[in-house]
Amino acid sequence: MTSTGGPPALRCTLRERREERGLSGAALALQVSISRQALSRIERGAAVPGTLLALQLARTLDCRVEDLFSLRAPQVEARLSGPAPAGTRVQLAELDGGWRALPLAGEAGLRAPADGVLVRCADGMDSAEGMGGADGRGVVEVLGSLDSARRTALVAGCDPALGLLCERTGGDARAAWVPGASLDALRAAARGEVHAAGLHLGPPEHHRALVARELPGARLLRLWHAEQGLMLRPGQALRVRQVTDLRRDDLRLVTRAPGAGGRALLDAWLAQAGLTAAQRSARHEAATVAASPLDAAARVARGEADVAPGPRSAASAYGLPFVPLAVEAFDLAVPERHLGHPGVLALLAAARSSTFREDLRSLGGYDPAGSGDPWPEPVVPEAP
């Protein structure tokens, strides 16, 4: 585990308090009978005042000693699971002997409890790049205990319901959602950046082959089946009713980045509509690229595009018309070494609960049958 080490540092606000009172350094030093140089060393943190001097400074500045001097919170070095500037609130998770920090941005930055604050990025940079980035490192000032962080599992994936599932964990252990495309999530797990990866890139057989290639030895577990289709801008329901309508070159499309399940689905539907590989590539190049299914739905709802691939739940969240075209499995790949992690166990327990399954069904377009259970191993036919 990586820590900044050493005794707790002293946080000193002496200079700020002095300036608030309109005192120069020389004036304050004179009042407490020390040299200007000695006061400067205290203000810089290069020297620690004795008890008597601390009391004199506090009385002169009309405040408490603890208003001037306090123990700085412990700090840990962590790798970032997303881009973040200094000052960002983060959740922490222990992973393979080190710390990972999940930036709390957007809505999560307002509602999710933080384990710490990113106070410094790698090499003094203003921000860290995050998952898979060369400079995704920083120093986090810890808020409170690290006990919960030690029992936190990071779970990457793109389905919005993964966030709902992580919210259902709690108590002694928890899981935190790291949004990311399916293939990116799988490769993040292979790099040791997350504890588990959610993926929807075809049927379970394809998932099994993909996991064997990208994350050998990982266990594949069921989560749910989700209805996938086309999310439409209001007013487009009469123009787009089926796959063949995607041939229209006046439709403004939203696509996803390569490696995302939504990208693969849209490409397959464009092929079904009769577009050649070159035509499909051109449509993807001309399309707006969304970071997630919810981002795709939001772009359509704002009128930036006419059509986007995504799950029914994302369309419902933004009140968009929806054309169902497929039902896909969303599975969870967990490296063998993380199967006993408290956060992973809490996630699977939540997935098996009737409360979560009923909640998931209420979103629309989800079938959670068998959620949290391992897929059976493929049957190997006997040799003739």
Protein backbone atom coordinates (compact mmCIF):
# COMPACT_ATOMS: atom_id res chain seq x y z
CA MET A 1 0.00 0.00 0.00
CA THR A 2 1.38 3.41 -0.93
CA SER A 3 1.39 6.27 1.56
CA THR A 4 3.19 9.58 1.69
CA GLY A 5 4.80 8.35 4.93
CA GLY A 6 6.28 10.27 7.85
CA PRO A 7 4.53 11.85 10.82
CA PRO A 8 1.33 13.83 10.27
CA ALA A 9 2.17 17.26 8.81
CA LEU A 10 1.11 20.46 10.54
CA ARG A 11 -1.44 22.63 8.77
CA CYS A 12 -0.61 26.29 9.45
CA THR A 13 -2.98 29.18 8.69
CA LEU A 14 -0.91 31.77 10.55
CA ARG A 15 -0.17 33.88 7.48
CA GLU A 16 -3.83 33.96 6.40
CA ARG A 17 -4.97 34.98 9.90
CA ARG A 18 -2.27 37.64 10.11
CA GLU A 19 -3.24 39.14 6.76
CA GLU A 20 -6.93 39.10 7.73
CA ARG A 21 -5.99 41.27 10.73
CA GLY A 22 -4.03 43.63 8.50
CA LEU A 23 -0.73 42.92 10.25
CA SER A 24 2.63 42.77 8.54
CA GLY A 25 5.01 39.96 9.36
CA ALA A 26 7.34 42.38 11.08
CA ALA A 27 4.53 43.83 13.22
CA LEU A 28 3.33 40.43 14.42
CA ALA A 29 6.88 39.24 15.10
CA LEU A 30 7.49 42.33 17.23
CA GLN A 31 4.31 41.77 19.27
CA VAL A 32 5.28 38.18 20.18
CA SER A 33 8.98 39.01 20.64
CA ILE A 34 10.49 36.87 17.86
CA SER A 35 12.41 37.75 14.70
CA ARG A 36 10.72 38.26 11.35
CA GLN A 37 12.76 35.35 10.00
CA ALA A 38 11.50 33.03 12.76
CA LEU A 39 7.89 34.00 12.02
CA SER A 40 8.45 33.38 8.31
CA ARG A 41 9.77 29.88 9.02
CA ILE A 42 6.66 29.09 11.08
CA GLU A 43 4.34 30.40 8.36
CA ARG A 44 6.13 28.27 5.73
CA GLY A 45 5.84 25.16 7.89
CA ALA A 46 9.61 24.94 8.25
CA ALA A 47 9.40 25.35 12.03
CA VAL A 48 6.90 24.41 14.74
CA PRO A 49 6.28 26.92 17.55
CA GLY A 50 6.42 25.91 21.20
CA THR A 51 3.34 25.95 23.41
CA LEU A 52 3.96 29.40 24.87
CA LEU A 53 4.61 31.01 21.47
CA ALA A 54 1.53 29.35 19.96
CA LEU A 55 -0.60 30.75 22.78
CA GLN A 56 0.91 34.23 22.30
CA LEU A 57 0.21 34.14 18.54
CA ALA A 58 -3.39 33.04 19.12
CA ARG A 59 -4.00 35.78 21.71
CA THR A 60 -2.48 38.45 19.48
CA LEU A 61 -4.63 37.37 16.52
CA ASP A 62 -7.72 36.96 18.73
CA CYS A 63 -8.33 33.29 17.85
CA ARG A 64 -7.74 29.80 19.18
CA VAL A 65 -4.47 27.92 18.81
CA GLU A 66 -6.28 25.25 16.77
CA ASP A 67 -7.39 27.99 14.37
CA LEU A 68 -3.73 28.57 13.58
CA PHE A 69 -2.28 25.07 13.83
CA SER A 70 -3.84 21.67 13.24
CA LEU A 71 -2.72 18.22 12.15
CA ARG A 72 -3.04 17.77 8.42
CA ALA A 73 -5.17 14.81 7.38
CA PRO A 74 -3.22 11.69 6.30
CA GLN A 75 -2.43 11.42 2.61
CA VAL A 76 -2.07 8.47 0.24
CA GLU A 77 -0.72 8.18 -3.27
CA ALA A 78 -3.31 6.79 -5.69
CA ARG A 79 -3.87 6.09 -9.36
CA LEU A 80 -6.89 7.84 -10.82
CA SER A 81 -9.79 5.91 -12.40
CA GLY A 82 -10.80 8.94 -14.46
CA PRO A 83 -9.52 12.40 -15.39
CA ALA A 84 -9.57 14.88 -12.52
CA PRO A 85 -8.06 18.23 -11.50
CA ALA A 86 -6.63 18.92 -8.07
CA GLY A 87 -9.42 19.64 -5.60
CA THR A 88 -11.68 16.86 -6.90
CA ARG A 89 -13.49 14.74 -4.31
CA VAL A 90 -12.77 11.02 -4.76
CA GLN A 91 -13.78 7.60 -3.53
CA LEU A 92 -10.87 5.31 -2.71
CA ALA A 93 -10.44 1.58 -3.21
CA GLU A 94 -7.53 -0.70 -2.34
CA LEU A 95 -6.46 -2.76 -5.33
CA ASP A 96 -3.51 -5.15 -5.54
CA GLY A 97 -1.64 -3.44 -2.71
CA GLY A 98 -2.15 0.12 -3.94
CA TRP A 99 -4.85 2.76 -3.95
CA ARG A 100 -7.22 3.67 -6.78
CA ALA A 101 -9.14 6.95 -6.67
CA LEU A 102 -12.50 7.31 -8.43
CA PRO A 103 -13.27 10.99 -9.16
CA LEU A 104 -16.74 12.09 -8.07
CA ALA A 105 -17.86 14.32 -10.93
CA GLY A 106 -21.26 15.47 -12.16
CA GLU A 107 -24.20 14.30 -10.07
CA ALA A 108 -21.97 11.89 -8.16
CA GLY A 109 -19.91 14.85 -7.02
CA LEU A 110 -22.94 16.18 -5.15
CA ARG A 111 -24.56 13.06 -3.73
CA ALA A 112 -21.83 10.44 -3.19
CA PRO A 113 -19.79 10.50 0.05
CA ALA A 114 -16.08 11.06 -0.54
CA ASP A 115 -13.14 9.24 1.04
CA GLY A 116 -10.73 12.04 0.22
CA VAL A 117 -9.77 15.02 -1.91
CA LEU A 118 -7.18 15.02 -4.69
CA VAL A 119 -4.66 17.61 -3.51
CA ARG A 120 -1.82 17.09 -5.95
CA CYS A 121 -1.45 15.42 -9.35
CA ALA A 122 1.51 13.57 -10.81
CA ASP A 123 4.61 15.63 -11.54
CA GLY A 124 2.88 18.79 -10.34
CA MET A 125 0.41 18.74 -13.23
CA ASP A 126 -2.91 20.58 -12.93
CA SER A 127 -4.89 17.42 -13.67
CA ALA A 128 -4.48 13.66 -13.99
CA GLU A 129 -5.65 11.73 -17.04
CA GLY A 130 -7.08 8.68 -15.27
CA MET A 131 -7.78 5.10 -16.27
CA GLY A 132 -5.14 3.88 -18.69
CA GLY A 133 -3.45 7.29 -18.82
CA ALA A 134 0.28 7.69 -18.36
CA ASP A 135 -0.15 10.44 -15.77
CA GLY A 136 -3.16 9.16 -13.86
CA ARG A 137 -1.55 9.51 -10.43
CA GLY A 138 -2.03 11.89 -7.56
CA VAL A 139 -1.95 12.48 -3.82
CA VAL A 140 -5.25 12.21 -1.96
CA GLU A 141 -5.92 13.81 1.42
CA VAL A 142 -7.99 11.29 3.35
CA LEU A 143 -11.26 12.27 5.01
CA GLY A 144 -11.82 10.03 8.01
CA SER A 145 -11.11 6.30 8.10
CA LEU A 146 -9.86 4.13 5.24
CA ASP A 147 -11.72 1.03 6.48
CA SER A 148 -14.53 1.41 3.94
CA ALA A 149 -12.08 2.09 1.12
CA ARG A 150 -10.26 -1.17 1.88
CA ARG A 151 -13.54 -3.03 1.30
CA THR A 152 -14.55 -1.20 -1.88
CA ALA A 153 -14.62 -2.89 -5.29
CA LEU A 154 -14.35 -0.85 -8.49
CA VAL A 155 -16.64 -2.16 -11.23
CA ALA A 156 -16.32 -0.83 -14.78
CA GLY A 157 -18.98 -1.02 -17.49
CA CYS A 158 -21.41 1.06 -19.51
CA ASP A 159 -24.92 -0.15 -18.65
CA PRO A 160 -26.68 2.51 -16.50
CA ALA A 161 -28.14 -0.24 -14.29
CA LEU A 162 -24.62 -1.03 -13.09
CA GLY A 163 -24.73 2.21 -11.13
CA LEU A 164 -28.04 1.15 -9.57
CA LEU A 165 -26.55 -2.20 -8.58
CA CYS A 166 -23.51 -0.57 -6.98
CA GLU A 167 -25.81 1.74 -5.01
CA ARG A 168 -27.51 -1.38 -3.59
CA THR A 169 -24.28 -2.46 -1.90
CA GLY A 170 -23.52 -1.09 1.54
CA GLY A 171 -22.87 -2.00 5.13
CA ASP A 172 -19.42 -3.46 5.66
CA ALA A 173 -18.50 -3.44 1.96
CA ARG A 174 -19.42 -1.52 -1.16
CA ALA A 175 -18.94 -1.37 -4.91
CA ALA A 176 -18.34 1.78 -6.95
CA TRP A 177 -19.23 2.17 -10.62
CA VAL A 178 -16.54 3.27 -13.08
CA PRO A 179 -18.38 4.13 -16.34
CA GLY A 180 -16.64 2.76 -19.42
CA ALA A 181 -17.23 0.91 -22.68
CA SER A 182 -17.32 -2.89 -22.50
CA LEU A 183 -13.95 -3.63 -24.11
CA ASP A 184 -12.31 -0.77 -22.22
CA ALA A 185 -13.74 -2.15 -18.97
CA LEU A 186 -12.40 -5.63 -19.70
CA ARG A 187 -8.95 -4.30 -20.51
CA ALA A 188 -8.98 -2.11 -17.40
CA ALA A 189 -9.57 -5.27 -15.35
CA ALA A 190 -6.68 -6.95 -17.18
CA ARG A 191 -4.41 -4.00 -16.33
CA GLY A 192 -5.41 -4.24 -12.67
CA GLU A 193 -7.30 -0.92 -12.65
CA VAL A 194 -10.68 -2.31 -11.53
CA HIS A 195 -11.88 -5.39 -9.65
CA ALA A 196 -14.51 -6.44 -12.21
CA ALA A 197 -15.80 -5.55 -15.67
CA GLY A 198 -19.32 -5.50 -17.06
CA LEU A 199 -19.73 -6.23 -20.75
CA HIS A 200 -22.37 -6.55 -23.44
CA LEU A 201 -20.70 -7.42 -26.73
CA GLY A 202 -22.88 -10.26 -27.97
CA PRO A 203 -24.18 -13.58 -26.63
CA PRO A 204 -22.61 -15.26 -23.57
CA GLU A 205 -20.60 -17.57 -25.85
CA HIS A 206 -18.92 -14.53 -27.38
CA HIS A 207 -18.35 -13.06 -23.92
CA ARG A 208 -16.70 -16.30 -22.82
CA ALA A 209 -14.30 -16.23 -25.78
CA LEU A 210 -13.58 -12.53 -25.28
CA VAL A 211 -12.82 -12.99 -21.58
CA ALA A 212 -10.56 -15.97 -22.34
CA ARG A 213 -8.59 -13.73 -24.71
CA GLU A 214 -8.52 -10.46 -22.75
CA LEU A 215 -8.74 -11.64 -19.12
CA PRO A 216 -7.63 -15.30 -18.91
CA GLY A 217 -8.82 -17.18 -15.85
CA ALA A 218 -11.58 -14.71 -14.98
CA ARG A 219 -15.02 -15.95 -13.90
CA LEU A 220 -18.00 -14.94 -16.03
CA LEU A 221 -21.22 -14.25 -14.11
CA ARG A 222 -24.72 -13.26 -15.18
CA LEU A 223 -26.15 -9.87 -14.40
CA TRP A 224 -29.16 -9.30 -16.68
CA HIS A 225 -30.53 -9.18 -20.20
CA ALA A 226 -31.35 -5.72 -21.53
CA GLU A 227 -33.52 -4.61 -24.42
CA GLN A 228 -31.43 -2.65 -26.93
CA GLY A 229 -32.62 -0.52 -29.80
CA LEU A 230 -32.84 2.94 -31.31
CA MET A 231 -33.48 6.00 -29.16
CA LEU A 232 -35.27 8.65 -31.21
CA ARG A 233 -35.58 12.40 -31.04
CA PRO A 234 -39.21 13.31 -30.32
CA GLY A 235 -40.96 13.71 -33.65
CA GLN A 236 -38.85 11.05 -35.39
CA ALA A 237 -41.07 8.07 -34.53
CA LEU A 238 -42.80 8.22 -37.93
CA ARG A 239 -39.49 8.43 -39.81
CA VAL A 240 -37.67 5.59 -38.02
CA ARG A 241 -39.70 2.46 -37.39
CA GLN A 242 -37.31 -0.33 -38.38
CA VAL A 243 -33.69 -1.11 -39.21
CA THR A 244 -34.06 -0.33 -42.92
CA ASP A 245 -34.92 3.27 -42.08
CA LEU A 246 -31.28 3.74 -41.05
CA ARG A 247 -30.49 3.94 -44.77
CA ARG A 248 -31.75 7.53 -44.72
CA ASP A 249 -28.72 9.77 -45.15
CA ASP A 250 -30.52 12.75 -43.61
CA LEU A 251 -30.59 11.11 -40.17
CA ARG A 252 -28.15 12.57 -37.67
CA LEU A 253 -26.67 9.66 -35.77
CA VAL A 254 -25.02 9.27 -32.40
CA THR A 255 -22.49 6.45 -32.19
CA ARG A 256 -20.20 5.12 -29.47
CA ALA A 257 -16.44 4.69 -29.38
CA PRO A 258 -14.93 1.47 -30.78
CA GLY A 259 -15.13 -1.29 -28.17
CA ALA A 260 -18.54 -0.19 -26.88
CA GLY A 261 -21.48 -2.57 -27.16
CA GLY A 262 -23.64 0.23 -28.58
CA ARG A 263 -21.12 0.79 -31.37
CA ALA A 264 -21.15 -2.89 -32.31
CA LEU A 265 -24.96 -2.98 -32.30
CA LEU A 266 -25.30 0.15 -34.45
CA ASP A 267 -22.78 -1.22 -36.92
CA ALA A 268 -24.71 -4.51 -37.14
CA TRP A 269 -27.99 -2.65 -37.69
CA LEU A 270 -26.45 -0.47 -40.40
CA ALA A 271 -25.25 -3.67 -42.09
CA GLN A 272 -28.77 -5.13 -41.86
CA ALA A 273 -30.04 -1.95 -43.49
CA GLY A 274 -27.83 -2.74 -46.48
CA LEU A 275 -24.89 -0.39 -45.95
CA THR A 276 -21.46 -1.56 -47.06
CA ALA A 277 -18.46 -1.57 -44.74
CA ALA A 278 -17.21 1.67 -46.31
CA GLN A 279 -20.63 3.29 -45.94
CA ARG A 280 -20.89 2.19 -42.32
CA SER A 281 -17.45 3.57 -41.57
CA ALA A 282 -18.43 6.88 -43.12
CA ARG A 283 -21.63 7.04 -41.05
CA HIS A 284 -19.66 6.39 -37.85
CA GLU A 285 -17.13 9.07 -38.83
CA ALA A 286 -19.89 11.63 -39.42
CA ALA A 287 -21.79 10.74 -36.24
CA THR A 288 -21.51 12.35 -32.83
CA VAL A 289 -19.60 10.10 -30.42
CA ALA A 290 -21.26 9.67 -27.01
CA ALA A 291 -19.37 8.63 -23.88
CA SER A 292 -22.14 6.39 -22.53
CA PRO A 293 -25.73 5.27 -23.21
CA LEU A 294 -27.05 8.06 -20.99
CA ASP A 295 -24.84 10.59 -22.77
CA ALA A 296 -26.22 9.32 -26.10
CA ALA A 297 -29.79 9.71 -24.86
CA ALA A 298 -29.06 13.20 -23.53
CA ARG A 299 -27.64 14.30 -26.88
CA VAL A 300 -30.74 13.07 -28.69
CA ALA A 301 -33.02 14.73 -26.13
CA ARG A 302 -31.18 18.05 -26.64
CA GLY A 303 -31.81 17.81 -30.38
CA GLU A 304 -28.15 17.31 -31.30
CA ALA A 305 -29.02 14.10 -33.19
CA ASP A 306 -32.03 12.15 -34.42
CA VAL A 307 -31.09 8.57 -33.54
CA ALA A 308 -28.77 6.79 -31.11
CA PRO A 309 -28.25 3.16 -30.10
CA GLY A 310 -28.91 2.31 -26.48
CA PRO A 311 -30.99 0.43 -23.91
CA ARG A 312 -34.66 1.10 -23.30
CA SER A 313 -33.80 2.35 -19.79
CA ALA A 314 -31.70 5.22 -21.18
CA ALA A 315 -34.49 6.20 -23.60
CA SER A 316 -37.03 6.12 -20.76
CA ALA A 317 -34.80 8.27 -18.55
CA TYR A 318 -35.03 11.07 -21.13
CA GLY A 319 -38.57 10.40 -22.34
CA LEU A 320 -37.46 9.37 -25.83
CA PRO A 321 -39.36 7.16 -28.30
CA PHE A 322 -37.70 3.74 -28.56
CA VAL A 323 -37.55 1.13 -31.32
CA PRO A 324 -36.61 -2.27 -29.79
CA LEU A 325 -34.28 -4.32 -31.99
CA ALA A 326 -32.39 -6.79 -29.78
CA VAL A 327 -32.02 -8.30 -26.33
CA GLU A 328 -28.44 -8.67 -25.11
CA ALA A 329 -26.82 -10.25 -22.09
CA PHE A 330 -24.90 -7.98 -19.74
CA ASP A 331 -22.35 -10.09 -17.89
CA LEU A 332 -19.69 -9.55 -15.26
CA ALA A 333 -16.09 -10.72 -15.61
CA VAL A 334 -14.18 -11.06 -12.32
CA PRO A 335 -10.50 -12.06 -12.11
CA GLU A 336 -10.04 -15.12 -9.90
CA ARG A 337 -8.03 -13.20 -7.30
CA HIS A 338 -10.93 -10.77 -6.72
CA LEU A 339 -13.77 -13.31 -6.35
CA GLY A 340 -13.46 -13.21 -2.56
CA HIS A 341 -13.15 -9.43 -2.29
CA PRO A 342 -15.75 -8.05 0.15
CA GLY A 343 -16.95 -5.47 -2.37
CA VAL A 344 -17.37 -8.07 -5.13
CA LEU A 345 -19.23 -10.38 -2.75
CA ALA A 346 -21.50 -7.49 -1.73
CA LEU A 347 -22.20 -6.70 -5.39
CA LEU A 348 -23.17 -10.29 -6.18
CA ALA A 349 -25.32 -10.53 -3.05
CA ALA A 350 -27.15 -7.37 -4.12
CA ALA A 351 -27.59 -8.76 -7.64
CA ARG A 352 -29.24 -11.90 -6.22
CA SER A 353 -31.62 -9.98 -3.96
CA SER A 354 -35.31 -9.86 -4.84
CA THR A 355 -35.38 -6.15 -4.02
CA PHE A 356 -32.79 -5.33 -6.66
CA ARG A 357 -34.36 -7.60 -9.25
CA GLU A 358 -37.77 -5.98 -8.78
CA ASP A 359 -36.20 -2.53 -8.92
CA LEU A 360 -34.36 -3.42 -12.13
CA ARG A 361 -37.52 -4.72 -13.79
CA SER A 362 -39.27 -1.47 -12.91
CA LEU A 363 -36.81 0.43 -15.11
CA GLY A 364 -38.23 -1.31 -18.16
CA GLY A 365 -36.45 -3.49 -20.68
CA TYR A 366 -34.51 -5.57 -18.16
CA ASP A 367 -34.69 -9.26 -17.29
CA PRO A 368 -32.60 -10.01 -14.17
CA ALA A 369 -33.26 -13.76 -14.09
CA GLY A 370 -30.19 -15.46 -12.62
CA SER A 371 -28.44 -12.17 -11.81
CA GLY A 372 -25.35 -12.73 -9.70
CA ASP A 373 -25.04 -16.41 -10.64
CA PRO A 374 -22.11 -17.84 -12.61
CA TRP A 375 -22.67 -18.94 -16.16
CA PRO A 376 -22.30 -22.72 -16.40
CA GLU A 377 -19.07 -23.89 -17.92
CA PRO A 378 -19.44 -24.95 -21.56
CA VAL A 379 -19.96 -28.65 -22.10
CA VAL A 380 -17.02 -30.21 -23.90
CA PRO A 381 -18.24 -33.01 -26.19
CA GLU A 382 -16.66 -36.39 -25.63
CA ALA A 383 -14.18 -37.56 -28.19
CA PRO A 384 -15.65 -40.15 -30.56
